[in-house]
Amino acid sequence: MLKIKRTNIYLTRGDSAYITLGISGVEPSAADVVRCQVRKEPTGGELIIDAVAEQGAEDPTQYLWYIRPADTAELTPGEYFWDAQIEITETGDIFSFVPVSSFVVLDEVTEVDNG
């Protein structure tokens, strides 16, 4: 289950998620990088997920962040923290466009045996 409330994300442990992130105020190019990170604590906490979102082909201001089942499968249910930023390759500028927000991993009942 995926639920997004404002910029807070609620995701069942081990589930897939596709999250569309929109950027305004910046004209992104194909060389720019949108990075999404999840940490145990907002400042200096252990890095849990470090992902690069893919730029949309039809709309360059839209990026898709794919969270894989393995990204959360081993996490203890609870609250973590995430944000997103765009790194402008041409100028070296970095702009955070999602503020520090909750990333809540929910417990699961059904487990899949991939072995």
N, C-alpha and C. Protein backbone atom coordinates (compact mmCIF):
# COMPACT_ATOMS: atom_id res chain seq x y z
N MET A 1 0.83 -1.17 0.00
CA MET A 1 0.00 0.00 0.00
C MET A 1 0.88 1.25 0.00
N LEU A 2 0.55 2.15 -0.85
CA LEU A 2 1.22 3.44 -0.91
C LEU A 2 0.20 4.52 -0.65
N LYS A 3 0.54 5.42 0.26
CA LYS A 3 -0.31 6.58 0.54
C LYS A 3 0.61 7.78 0.66
N ILE A 4 0.23 8.87 0.02
CA ILE A 4 1.00 10.11 0.12
C ILE A 4 0.07 11.19 0.63
N LYS A 5 0.48 11.83 1.71
CA LYS A 5 -0.30 12.91 2.31
C LYS A 5 0.63 14.12 2.40
N ARG A 6 0.33 15.12 1.57
CA ARG A 6 1.23 16.27 1.36
C ARG A 6 2.55 15.73 0.83
N THR A 7 3.63 15.83 1.60
CA THR A 7 4.91 15.25 1.15
C THR A 7 5.31 14.06 2.00
N ASN A 8 4.42 13.59 2.88
CA ASN A 8 4.70 12.42 3.71
C ASN A 8 4.30 11.16 2.95
N ILE A 9 5.16 10.16 3.01
CA ILE A 9 4.95 8.90 2.29
C ILE A 9 4.71 7.78 3.31
N TYR A 10 3.70 6.96 3.03
CA TYR A 10 3.38 5.78 3.84
C TYR A 10 3.43 4.59 2.89
N LEU A 11 4.30 3.62 3.17
CA LEU A 11 4.50 2.50 2.27
C LEU A 11 4.63 1.21 3.07
N THR A 12 3.90 0.17 2.65
CA THR A 12 4.02 -1.13 3.28
C THR A 12 5.39 -1.71 2.97
N ARG A 13 6.02 -2.23 4.00
CA ARG A 13 7.36 -2.81 3.87
C ARG A 13 7.37 -3.85 2.75
N GLY A 14 8.34 -3.74 1.85
CA GLY A 14 8.52 -4.71 0.77
C GLY A 14 7.66 -4.46 -0.46
N ASP A 15 6.87 -3.40 -0.47
CA ASP A 15 6.04 -3.09 -1.64
C ASP A 15 6.81 -2.24 -2.65
N SER A 16 6.37 -2.32 -3.89
CA SER A 16 6.88 -1.43 -4.94
C SER A 16 6.12 -0.10 -4.85
N ALA A 17 6.75 0.97 -5.30
CA ALA A 17 6.07 2.26 -5.37
C ALA A 17 6.66 3.06 -6.52
N TYR A 18 5.79 3.72 -7.24
CA TYR A 18 6.18 4.65 -8.31
C TYR A 18 5.64 6.01 -7.91
N ILE A 19 6.53 6.96 -7.64
CA ILE A 19 6.12 8.27 -7.15
C ILE A 19 6.57 9.32 -8.16
N THR A 20 5.61 10.11 -8.63
CA THR A 20 5.91 11.19 -9.57
C THR A 20 6.21 12.46 -8.78
N LEU A 21 7.34 13.06 -9.09
CA LEU A 21 7.78 14.30 -8.46
C LEU A 21 7.78 15.41 -9.49
N GLY A 22 7.11 16.50 -9.20
CA GLY A 22 7.08 17.64 -10.12
C GLY A 22 7.97 18.77 -9.62
N ILE A 23 8.67 19.40 -10.54
CA ILE A 23 9.57 20.51 -10.21
C ILE A 23 9.04 21.78 -10.84
N SER A 24 9.04 22.87 -10.08
CA SER A 24 8.67 24.16 -10.64
C SER A 24 9.72 25.18 -10.25
N GLY A 25 9.84 26.22 -11.04
CA GLY A 25 10.81 27.27 -10.76
C GLY A 25 12.19 27.01 -11.31
N VAL A 26 12.42 25.83 -11.88
CA VAL A 26 13.71 25.46 -12.47
C VAL A 26 13.41 24.79 -13.80
N GLU A 27 14.20 25.11 -14.81
CA GLU A 27 14.06 24.48 -16.12
C GLU A 27 15.07 23.35 -16.22
N PRO A 28 14.68 22.10 -15.87
CA PRO A 28 15.66 21.02 -15.86
C PRO A 28 16.08 20.58 -17.26
N SER A 29 17.31 20.12 -17.34
CA SER A 29 17.81 19.55 -18.59
C SER A 29 18.00 18.05 -18.40
N ALA A 30 18.25 17.34 -19.47
CA ALA A 30 18.44 15.89 -19.40
C ALA A 30 19.68 15.52 -18.58
N ALA A 31 20.63 16.44 -18.45
CA ALA A 31 21.86 16.16 -17.71
C ALA A 31 21.69 16.34 -16.20
N ASP A 32 20.62 17.01 -15.77
CA ASP A 32 20.41 17.26 -14.35
C ASP A 32 20.00 15.97 -13.63
N VAL A 33 20.23 15.94 -12.33
CA VAL A 33 19.95 14.74 -11.53
C VAL A 33 18.99 15.09 -10.41
N VAL A 34 17.93 14.30 -10.29
CA VAL A 34 17.02 14.42 -9.15
C VAL A 34 17.32 13.25 -8.23
N ARG A 35 17.71 13.59 -7.00
CA ARG A 35 18.11 12.59 -6.02
C ARG A 35 17.10 12.58 -4.88
N CYS A 36 16.67 11.36 -4.49
CA CYS A 36 15.77 11.15 -3.37
C CYS A 36 16.51 10.30 -2.34
N GLN A 37 16.50 10.76 -1.10
CA GLN A 37 17.17 9.99 -0.05
C GLN A 37 16.24 9.78 1.13
N VAL A 38 16.37 8.61 1.73
CA VAL A 38 15.65 8.27 2.95
C VAL A 38 16.69 7.96 4.01
N ARG A 39 16.52 8.55 5.19
CA ARG A 39 17.46 8.35 6.30
C ARG A 39 16.70 8.03 7.59
N LYS A 40 17.43 7.43 8.54
CA LYS A 40 16.83 7.15 9.85
C LYS A 40 16.53 8.43 10.61
N GLU A 41 17.39 9.39 10.50
CA GLU A 41 17.22 10.70 11.14
C GLU A 41 17.41 11.76 10.07
N PRO A 42 16.73 12.90 10.19
CA PRO A 42 16.83 13.89 9.11
C PRO A 42 18.22 14.49 8.91
N THR A 43 18.99 14.61 9.97
CA THR A 43 20.32 15.19 9.84
C THR A 43 21.37 14.16 10.25
N GLY A 44 22.11 13.69 9.26
CA GLY A 44 23.22 12.79 9.56
C GLY A 44 22.83 11.38 9.92
N GLY A 45 21.57 11.03 9.77
CA GLY A 45 21.15 9.68 10.07
C GLY A 45 21.63 8.69 9.02
N GLU A 46 21.56 7.41 9.36
CA GLU A 46 21.99 6.36 8.44
C GLU A 46 21.21 6.45 7.13
N LEU A 47 21.93 6.36 6.01
CA LEU A 47 21.30 6.42 4.69
C LEU A 47 20.64 5.07 4.41
N ILE A 48 19.33 5.11 4.14
CA ILE A 48 18.55 3.90 3.89
C ILE A 48 18.34 3.69 2.39
N ILE A 49 17.92 4.75 1.70
CA ILE A 49 17.69 4.71 0.25
C ILE A 49 18.37 5.93 -0.36
N ASP A 50 19.11 5.70 -1.43
CA ASP A 50 19.72 6.78 -2.21
C ASP A 50 19.37 6.48 -3.66
N ALA A 51 18.40 7.20 -4.20
CA ALA A 51 17.89 6.89 -5.54
C ALA A 51 17.94 8.12 -6.44
N VAL A 52 18.09 7.86 -7.72
CA VAL A 52 18.01 8.90 -8.74
C VAL A 52 16.70 8.68 -9.49
N ALA A 53 15.87 9.71 -9.52
CA ALA A 53 14.58 9.64 -10.21
C ALA A 53 14.80 9.88 -11.71
N GLU A 54 13.99 9.22 -12.51
CA GLU A 54 14.09 9.32 -13.98
C GLU A 54 13.25 10.48 -14.49
N GLN A 55 13.83 11.28 -15.37
CA GLN A 55 13.12 12.40 -15.96
C GLN A 55 12.07 11.90 -16.96
N GLY A 56 10.90 12.53 -16.93
CA GLY A 56 9.83 12.16 -17.84
C GLY A 56 10.15 12.53 -19.28
N ALA A 57 9.79 11.67 -20.21
CA ALA A 57 10.05 11.92 -21.63
C ALA A 57 9.12 12.98 -22.19
N GLU A 58 7.88 12.99 -21.73
CA GLU A 58 6.90 13.94 -22.26
C GLU A 58 6.92 15.28 -21.54
N ASP A 59 7.26 15.28 -20.27
CA ASP A 59 7.30 16.52 -19.48
C ASP A 59 8.60 16.54 -18.68
N PRO A 60 9.56 17.38 -19.06
CA PRO A 60 10.87 17.38 -18.38
C PRO A 60 10.82 17.89 -16.94
N THR A 61 9.68 18.42 -16.49
CA THR A 61 9.57 18.87 -15.10
C THR A 61 9.01 17.78 -14.19
N GLN A 62 8.73 16.61 -14.76
CA GLN A 62 8.20 15.47 -14.00
C GLN A 62 9.27 14.38 -13.91
N TYR A 63 9.46 13.85 -12.72
CA TYR A 63 10.44 12.78 -12.49
C TYR A 63 9.74 11.61 -11.80
N LEU A 64 10.18 10.40 -12.11
CA LEU A 64 9.60 9.21 -11.51
C LEU A 64 10.62 8.55 -10.59
N TRP A 65 10.22 8.41 -9.33
CA TRP A 65 11.04 7.74 -8.32
C TRP A 65 10.46 6.34 -8.13
N TYR A 66 11.23 5.34 -8.47
CA TYR A 66 10.81 3.95 -8.31
C TYR A 66 11.44 3.39 -7.05
N ILE A 67 10.59 3.00 -6.10
CA ILE A 67 11.05 2.35 -4.88
C ILE A 67 10.85 0.85 -5.08
N ARG A 68 11.93 0.11 -5.05
CA ARG A 68 11.90 -1.34 -5.27
C ARG A 68 11.54 -2.07 -3.97
N PRO A 69 10.94 -3.25 -4.09
CA PRO A 69 10.62 -4.01 -2.89
C PRO A 69 11.83 -4.22 -1.96
N ALA A 70 12.99 -4.46 -2.55
CA ALA A 70 14.20 -4.70 -1.75
C ALA A 70 14.63 -3.46 -0.96
N ASP A 71 14.21 -2.27 -1.39
CA ASP A 71 14.59 -1.04 -0.69
C ASP A 71 14.04 -0.99 0.73
N THR A 72 12.87 -1.60 0.95
CA THR A 72 12.24 -1.53 2.27
C THR A 72 12.01 -2.88 2.92
N ALA A 73 12.30 -3.98 2.22
CA ALA A 73 11.96 -5.32 2.70
C ALA A 73 12.56 -5.65 4.07
N GLU A 74 13.72 -5.14 4.36
CA GLU A 74 14.40 -5.49 5.62
C GLU A 74 14.28 -4.39 6.67
N LEU A 75 13.54 -3.33 6.38
CA LEU A 75 13.43 -2.22 7.33
C LEU A 75 12.47 -2.56 8.46
N THR A 76 12.77 -2.06 9.63
CA THR A 76 11.85 -2.15 10.76
C THR A 76 10.74 -1.14 10.53
N PRO A 77 9.48 -1.56 10.65
CA PRO A 77 8.39 -0.60 10.48
C PRO A 77 8.57 0.58 11.42
N GLY A 78 8.27 1.77 10.92
CA GLY A 78 8.42 2.97 11.72
C GLY A 78 8.65 4.18 10.84
N GLU A 79 8.98 5.29 11.47
CA GLU A 79 9.16 6.55 10.76
C GLU A 79 10.63 6.78 10.40
N TYR A 80 10.83 7.10 9.14
CA TYR A 80 12.12 7.52 8.61
C TYR A 80 11.89 8.91 8.01
N PHE A 81 12.90 9.47 7.35
CA PHE A 81 12.77 10.81 6.80
C PHE A 81 13.34 10.86 5.39
N TRP A 82 12.71 11.67 4.53
CA TRP A 82 13.17 11.76 3.14
C TRP A 82 13.08 13.21 2.67
N ASP A 83 13.82 13.48 1.60
CA ASP A 83 13.68 14.73 0.86
C ASP A 83 14.14 14.48 -0.57
N ALA A 84 14.00 15.50 -1.40
CA ALA A 84 14.43 15.39 -2.80
C ALA A 84 15.06 16.70 -3.23
N GLN A 85 16.07 16.58 -4.08
CA GLN A 85 16.75 17.77 -4.61
C GLN A 85 17.13 17.54 -6.06
N ILE A 86 17.28 18.65 -6.76
CA ILE A 86 17.76 18.58 -8.14
C ILE A 86 19.15 19.19 -8.17
N GLU A 87 20.04 18.48 -8.84
CA GLU A 87 21.42 18.93 -9.01
C GLU A 87 21.57 19.40 -10.45
N ILE A 88 21.76 20.71 -10.63
CA ILE A 88 21.88 21.29 -11.96
C ILE A 88 23.32 21.11 -12.44
N THR A 89 23.51 20.23 -13.40
CA THR A 89 24.84 19.85 -13.86
C THR A 89 25.61 21.04 -14.44
N GLU A 90 24.95 21.87 -15.23
CA GLU A 90 25.64 22.96 -15.92
C GLU A 90 26.23 24.00 -14.96
N THR A 91 25.52 24.32 -13.89
CA THR A 91 25.98 25.38 -12.97
C THR A 91 26.50 24.86 -11.64
N GLY A 92 26.20 23.61 -11.31
CA GLY A 92 26.59 23.06 -10.02
C GLY A 92 25.64 23.43 -8.90
N ASP A 93 24.54 24.11 -9.23
CA ASP A 93 23.55 24.48 -8.23
C ASP A 93 22.78 23.26 -7.75
N ILE A 94 22.34 23.32 -6.51
CA ILE A 94 21.50 22.28 -5.93
C ILE A 94 20.29 22.95 -5.31
N PHE A 95 19.11 22.45 -5.66
CA PHE A 95 17.86 23.00 -5.14
C PHE A 95 17.04 21.88 -4.52
N SER A 96 16.74 22.00 -3.22
CA SER A 96 15.82 21.06 -2.58
C SER A 96 14.41 21.49 -2.95
N PHE A 97 13.62 20.57 -3.47
CA PHE A 97 12.25 20.93 -3.84
C PHE A 97 11.20 20.14 -3.08
N VAL A 98 11.64 19.15 -2.30
CA VAL A 98 10.77 18.49 -1.32
C VAL A 98 11.47 18.66 0.02
N PRO A 99 10.80 19.31 0.99
CA PRO A 99 11.44 19.49 2.29
C PRO A 99 11.51 18.17 3.05
N VAL A 100 12.27 18.16 4.12
CA VAL A 100 12.34 16.96 4.96
C VAL A 100 10.92 16.57 5.35
N SER A 101 10.58 15.32 5.07
CA SER A 101 9.23 14.81 5.30
C SER A 101 9.31 13.40 5.85
N SER A 102 8.20 12.94 6.38
CA SER A 102 8.14 11.58 6.93
C SER A 102 8.08 10.55 5.81
N PHE A 103 8.77 9.44 6.02
CA PHE A 103 8.70 8.26 5.17
C PHE A 103 8.39 7.12 6.14
N VAL A 104 7.13 6.72 6.19
CA VAL A 104 6.69 5.75 7.18
C VAL A 104 6.60 4.38 6.53
N VAL A 105 7.34 3.43 7.10
CA VAL A 105 7.28 2.05 6.63
C VAL A 105 6.27 1.33 7.50
N LEU A 106 5.23 0.80 6.83
CA LEU A 106 4.16 0.10 7.51
C LEU A 106 4.45 -1.40 7.55
N ASP A 107 3.95 -2.07 8.57
CA ASP A 107 4.16 -3.51 8.68
C ASP A 107 3.34 -4.23 7.63
N GLU A 108 3.69 -5.48 7.37
CA GLU A 108 3.01 -6.30 6.36
C GLU A 108 2.51 -7.57 7.01
N VAL A 109 1.52 -8.18 6.38
CA VAL A 109 1.02 -9.47 6.83
C VAL A 109 1.44 -10.55 5.83
N THR A 110 1.18 -10.27 4.55
CA THR A 110 1.49 -11.23 3.49
C THR A 110 2.96 -11.12 3.11
N GLU A 111 3.64 -12.23 3.12
CA GLU A 111 5.05 -12.25 2.72
C GLU A 111 5.21 -13.15 1.50
N VAL A 112 6.07 -12.75 0.60
CA VAL A 112 6.34 -13.50 -0.62
C VAL A 112 7.66 -14.25 -0.45
N ASP A 113 7.63 -15.53 -0.77
CA ASP A 113 8.85 -16.34 -0.70
C ASP A 113 9.48 -16.34 -2.09
N ASN A 114 10.59 -15.61 -2.25
CA ASN A 114 11.26 -15.52 -3.55
C ASN A 114 12.35 -16.59 -3.68
N GLY A 115 12.39 -17.53 -2.79
CA GLY A 115 13.46 -18.51 -2.79
C GLY A 115 13.14 -19.77 -3.42
